[in-house]
Every structure is written in structure tokens, then in C-alpha cells.
């Protein structure tokens, strides 16, 4: 997924769900056959150091043949010293 396409998806999704874009992350490239439990386990391993979060929604991105997830932090993700 191109950076522009991902940014547009994030902006549109946040606007549609009335979510603050500054407290949101878009995770793309999730394999189509990846189940809910596997998604949550993987995200927890990667995102838990950034602070509390919740998965707001998931969609299938037809053009890429993958799933995407919209993640929200109740306050703001603390990127601190992380190289992300």
C-alpha cells in the first residue's frame, strides 16, 4: 500500500468514525486469513510498549488483498525513544 493511500485511508477512517487522527494508527498488510486472536496477539506484542490501545475496527483492502486495522490510544501514543 502506498504511503498516500494509507494516509488517505487513515484520514477517511478517522473522520468517518469521529476519532482523533493524532491518537490513531493504521496497521496494514495483515494477511487475509489471519484471525482475530492472531491479530490481537501480534498487535499486543508490537504495540504494548507504546501504551494502552484498542482495535477500533478492521477492514479488508481489496486492492492489496490484505486486512487493515484502525488502532486508537485513549490519550496519545507515547513514541518516546522508539524508532518508529
N, C-alpha and C. Protein backbone atom coordinates (compact mmCIF):
# COMPACT_ATOMS: atom_id res chain seq x y z
N UNK A 1 0.85 -1.16 0.00
CA UNK A 1 0.00 0.00 0.00
C UNK A 1 0.90 1.23 0.00
N UNK A 2 0.61 2.16 -0.88
CA UNK A 2 1.42 3.37 -0.94
C UNK A 2 1.19 4.22 0.30
N UNK A 3 2.17 5.07 0.60
CA UNK A 3 2.06 5.96 1.76
C UNK A 3 0.85 6.88 1.61
N UNK A 4 0.62 7.38 0.40
CA UNK A 4 -0.53 8.27 0.15
C UNK A 4 -1.84 7.54 0.37
N UNK A 5 -1.94 6.31 -0.16
CA UNK A 5 -3.16 5.53 0.01
C UNK A 5 -3.42 5.23 1.48
N UNK A 6 -2.36 4.87 2.21
CA UNK A 6 -2.50 4.58 3.64
C UNK A 6 -2.94 5.82 4.41
N UNK A 7 -2.34 6.96 4.10
CA UNK A 7 -2.70 8.20 4.79
C UNK A 7 -4.14 8.59 4.50
N UNK A 8 -4.57 8.44 3.25
CA UNK A 8 -5.95 8.74 2.90
C UNK A 8 -6.92 7.82 3.62
N UNK A 9 -6.56 6.54 3.70
CA UNK A 9 -7.41 5.58 4.41
C UNK A 9 -7.51 5.94 5.88
N UNK A 10 -6.38 6.27 6.51
CA UNK A 10 -6.37 6.66 7.91
C UNK A 10 -7.22 7.91 8.14
N UNK A 11 -7.04 8.92 7.32
CA UNK A 11 -7.81 10.16 7.47
C UNK A 11 -9.30 9.91 7.28
N UNK A 12 -9.67 9.18 6.24
CA UNK A 12 -11.09 8.91 5.98
C UNK A 12 -11.71 8.07 7.08
N UNK A 13 -10.99 7.06 7.53
CA UNK A 13 -11.50 6.17 8.58
C UNK A 13 -11.69 6.93 9.88
N UNK A 14 -10.72 7.76 10.24
CA UNK A 14 -10.83 8.56 11.47
C UNK A 14 -12.00 9.55 11.37
N UNK A 15 -12.13 10.19 10.24
CA UNK A 15 -13.22 11.14 10.05
C UNK A 15 -14.57 10.42 10.14
N UNK A 16 -14.67 9.27 9.48
CA UNK A 16 -15.93 8.52 9.48
C UNK A 16 -16.32 8.00 10.85
N UNK A 17 -15.33 7.64 11.65
CA UNK A 17 -15.60 7.11 12.99
C UNK A 17 -15.51 8.19 14.07
N UNK A 18 -15.24 9.43 13.64
CA UNK A 18 -15.10 10.56 14.57
C UNK A 18 -14.04 10.27 15.63
N UNK A 19 -12.87 9.86 15.15
CA UNK A 19 -11.73 9.53 16.00
C UNK A 19 -10.62 10.53 15.71
N UNK A 20 -9.92 10.96 16.74
CA UNK A 20 -8.80 11.89 16.58
C UNK A 20 -7.65 11.19 15.87
N UNK A 21 -7.27 11.71 14.73
CA UNK A 21 -6.19 11.11 13.94
C UNK A 21 -4.87 11.10 14.69
N UNK A 22 -4.68 12.03 15.62
CA UNK A 22 -3.44 12.10 16.39
C UNK A 22 -3.35 11.03 17.47
N UNK A 23 -4.45 10.32 17.68
CA UNK A 23 -4.46 9.22 18.65
C UNK A 23 -4.69 7.88 17.96
N UNK A 24 -4.41 7.85 16.67
CA UNK A 24 -4.73 6.66 15.89
C UNK A 24 -3.53 6.17 15.09
N UNK A 25 -3.56 4.87 14.85
CA UNK A 25 -2.57 4.22 13.99
C UNK A 25 -3.32 3.35 13.00
N UNK A 26 -2.78 3.25 11.81
CA UNK A 26 -3.31 2.34 10.81
C UNK A 26 -2.31 1.22 10.64
N UNK A 27 -2.76 0.00 10.82
CA UNK A 27 -1.92 -1.18 10.62
C UNK A 27 -2.41 -1.84 9.34
N UNK A 28 -1.52 -1.96 8.36
CA UNK A 28 -1.89 -2.57 7.08
C UNK A 28 -1.05 -3.81 6.84
N UNK A 29 -1.40 -4.55 5.83
CA UNK A 29 -0.63 -5.74 5.46
C UNK A 29 -0.95 -6.96 6.28
N UNK A 30 -2.07 -6.96 6.98
CA UNK A 30 -2.48 -8.12 7.78
C UNK A 30 -3.00 -9.18 6.81
N UNK A 31 -2.42 -10.38 6.80
CA UNK A 31 -2.88 -11.41 5.86
C UNK A 31 -4.38 -11.66 5.97
N UNK A 32 -5.00 -11.90 4.83
CA UNK A 32 -6.44 -12.11 4.76
C UNK A 32 -6.91 -13.25 5.67
N UNK A 33 -6.11 -14.30 5.78
CA UNK A 33 -6.52 -15.47 6.56
C UNK A 33 -6.16 -15.37 8.04
N UNK A 34 -5.65 -14.23 8.47
CA UNK A 34 -5.27 -14.01 9.87
C UNK A 34 -6.54 -13.78 10.69
N UNK A 35 -6.73 -14.58 11.72
CA UNK A 35 -7.92 -14.48 12.56
C UNK A 35 -7.79 -13.43 13.65
N UNK A 36 -8.90 -13.15 14.31
CA UNK A 36 -8.97 -12.13 15.35
C UNK A 36 -7.94 -12.36 16.45
N UNK A 37 -7.86 -13.57 16.96
CA UNK A 37 -6.94 -13.86 18.06
C UNK A 37 -5.48 -13.64 17.63
N UNK A 38 -5.15 -14.06 16.43
CA UNK A 38 -3.78 -13.89 15.94
C UNK A 38 -3.45 -12.41 15.72
N UNK A 39 -4.41 -11.65 15.22
CA UNK A 39 -4.21 -10.21 15.03
C UNK A 39 -3.95 -9.55 16.38
N UNK A 40 -4.80 -9.84 17.36
CA UNK A 40 -4.66 -9.22 18.68
C UNK A 40 -3.34 -9.62 19.35
N UNK A 41 -2.95 -10.88 19.22
CA UNK A 41 -1.69 -11.33 19.83
C UNK A 41 -0.49 -10.62 19.20
N UNK A 42 -0.51 -10.50 17.90
CA UNK A 42 0.60 -9.83 17.19
C UNK A 42 0.64 -8.35 17.54
N UNK A 43 -0.51 -7.69 17.50
CA UNK A 43 -0.54 -6.27 17.83
C UNK A 43 -0.11 -6.02 19.26
N UNK A 44 -0.53 -6.88 20.18
CA UNK A 44 -0.14 -6.70 21.58
C UNK A 44 1.37 -6.77 21.74
N UNK A 45 2.00 -7.70 21.05
CA UNK A 45 3.45 -7.83 21.14
C UNK A 45 4.19 -6.61 20.61
N UNK A 46 3.61 -5.95 19.62
CA UNK A 46 4.26 -4.80 18.99
C UNK A 46 3.86 -3.48 19.65
N UNK A 47 2.59 -3.33 19.97
CA UNK A 47 2.08 -2.03 20.43
C UNK A 47 2.06 -1.83 21.94
N UNK A 48 2.12 -2.89 22.72
CA UNK A 48 2.01 -2.72 24.18
C UNK A 48 3.06 -1.78 24.76
N UNK A 49 4.31 -1.72 24.24
CA UNK A 49 5.27 -0.77 24.80
C UNK A 49 4.90 0.70 24.56
N UNK A 50 3.98 0.94 23.62
CA UNK A 50 3.59 2.32 23.31
C UNK A 50 2.49 2.85 24.21
N UNK A 51 1.94 2.01 25.06
CA UNK A 51 0.88 2.44 25.95
C UNK A 51 -0.43 1.74 25.63
N UNK A 52 -1.49 2.11 26.34
CA UNK A 52 -2.77 1.44 26.13
C UNK A 52 -3.32 1.75 24.74
N UNK A 53 -4.04 0.80 24.19
CA UNK A 53 -4.65 0.99 22.87
C UNK A 53 -5.84 0.07 22.76
N UNK A 54 -6.64 0.30 21.72
CA UNK A 54 -7.73 -0.63 21.42
C UNK A 54 -7.90 -0.68 19.91
N UNK A 55 -8.29 -1.83 19.42
CA UNK A 55 -8.57 -2.01 18.00
C UNK A 55 -10.01 -1.54 17.78
N UNK A 56 -10.17 -0.48 17.00
CA UNK A 56 -11.50 0.06 16.76
C UNK A 56 -12.26 -0.70 15.68
N UNK A 57 -11.54 -1.09 14.64
CA UNK A 57 -12.21 -1.72 13.51
C UNK A 57 -11.18 -2.36 12.60
N UNK A 58 -11.63 -3.30 11.79
CA UNK A 58 -10.79 -3.92 10.78
C UNK A 58 -11.57 -3.94 9.47
N UNK A 59 -10.82 -3.83 8.37
CA UNK A 59 -11.45 -3.92 7.06
C UNK A 59 -10.57 -4.77 6.14
N UNK A 60 -11.15 -5.20 5.04
CA UNK A 60 -10.41 -5.88 4.00
C UNK A 60 -10.10 -4.87 2.91
N UNK A 61 -8.83 -4.74 2.55
CA UNK A 61 -8.41 -3.82 1.49
C UNK A 61 -8.25 -4.63 0.22
N UNK A 62 -9.25 -4.56 -0.64
CA UNK A 62 -9.32 -5.38 -1.83
C UNK A 62 -8.12 -5.20 -2.76
N UNK A 63 -7.68 -3.95 -2.95
CA UNK A 63 -6.58 -3.66 -3.87
C UNK A 63 -5.28 -4.35 -3.45
N UNK A 64 -5.12 -4.56 -2.15
CA UNK A 64 -3.90 -5.16 -1.62
C UNK A 64 -4.09 -6.62 -1.20
N UNK A 65 -5.35 -7.07 -1.16
CA UNK A 65 -5.70 -8.42 -0.74
C UNK A 65 -5.21 -8.70 0.69
N UNK A 66 -5.35 -7.69 1.56
CA UNK A 66 -4.95 -7.80 2.96
C UNK A 66 -6.00 -7.10 3.83
N UNK A 67 -5.87 -7.29 5.13
CA UNK A 67 -6.71 -6.57 6.09
C UNK A 67 -5.94 -5.37 6.62
N UNK A 68 -6.70 -4.41 7.13
CA UNK A 68 -6.12 -3.24 7.81
C UNK A 68 -6.90 -3.06 9.10
N UNK A 69 -6.22 -2.53 10.11
CA UNK A 69 -6.86 -2.29 11.41
C UNK A 69 -6.63 -0.85 11.83
N UNK A 70 -7.67 -0.25 12.40
CA UNK A 70 -7.58 1.09 12.96
C UNK A 70 -7.41 0.95 14.47
N UNK A 71 -6.32 1.50 14.98
CA UNK A 71 -5.96 1.39 16.39
C UNK A 71 -6.06 2.77 17.03
N UNK A 72 -6.62 2.83 18.24
CA UNK A 72 -6.74 4.12 18.94
C UNK A 72 -6.13 4.02 20.33
N UNK A 73 -5.51 5.11 20.75
CA UNK A 73 -5.00 5.25 22.10
C UNK A 73 -5.90 6.26 22.80
N UNK A 74 -6.35 5.97 24.03
CA UNK A 74 -7.23 6.89 24.73
C UNK A 74 -6.64 8.29 24.93
N UNK A 75 -5.33 8.38 25.01
CA UNK A 75 -4.68 9.68 25.19
C UNK A 75 -3.88 10.00 23.94
N UNK A 76 -2.68 9.50 23.89
CA UNK A 76 -1.81 9.68 22.74
C UNK A 76 -0.72 8.63 22.82
N UNK A 77 -0.35 8.06 21.71
CA UNK A 77 0.72 7.08 21.74
C UNK A 77 2.01 7.75 22.19
N UNK A 78 2.69 7.14 23.15
CA UNK A 78 3.96 7.66 23.64
C UNK A 78 5.09 7.00 22.84
N UNK A 79 5.56 7.68 21.81
CA UNK A 79 6.61 7.12 20.96
C UNK A 79 7.97 7.23 21.60
N UNK A 80 8.12 8.10 22.57
CA UNK A 80 9.35 8.23 23.35
C UNK A 80 10.60 8.02 22.54
N UNK A 81 11.41 7.04 22.94
CA UNK A 81 12.66 6.73 22.27
C UNK A 81 12.52 5.68 21.18
N UNK A 82 11.29 5.27 20.89
CA UNK A 82 11.08 4.23 19.89
C UNK A 82 11.41 4.79 18.50
N UNK A 83 12.08 4.01 17.65
CA UNK A 83 12.48 4.47 16.34
C UNK A 83 11.38 4.39 15.29
N UNK A 84 10.11 4.36 15.68
CA UNK A 84 9.01 4.19 14.73
C UNK A 84 8.75 5.46 13.98
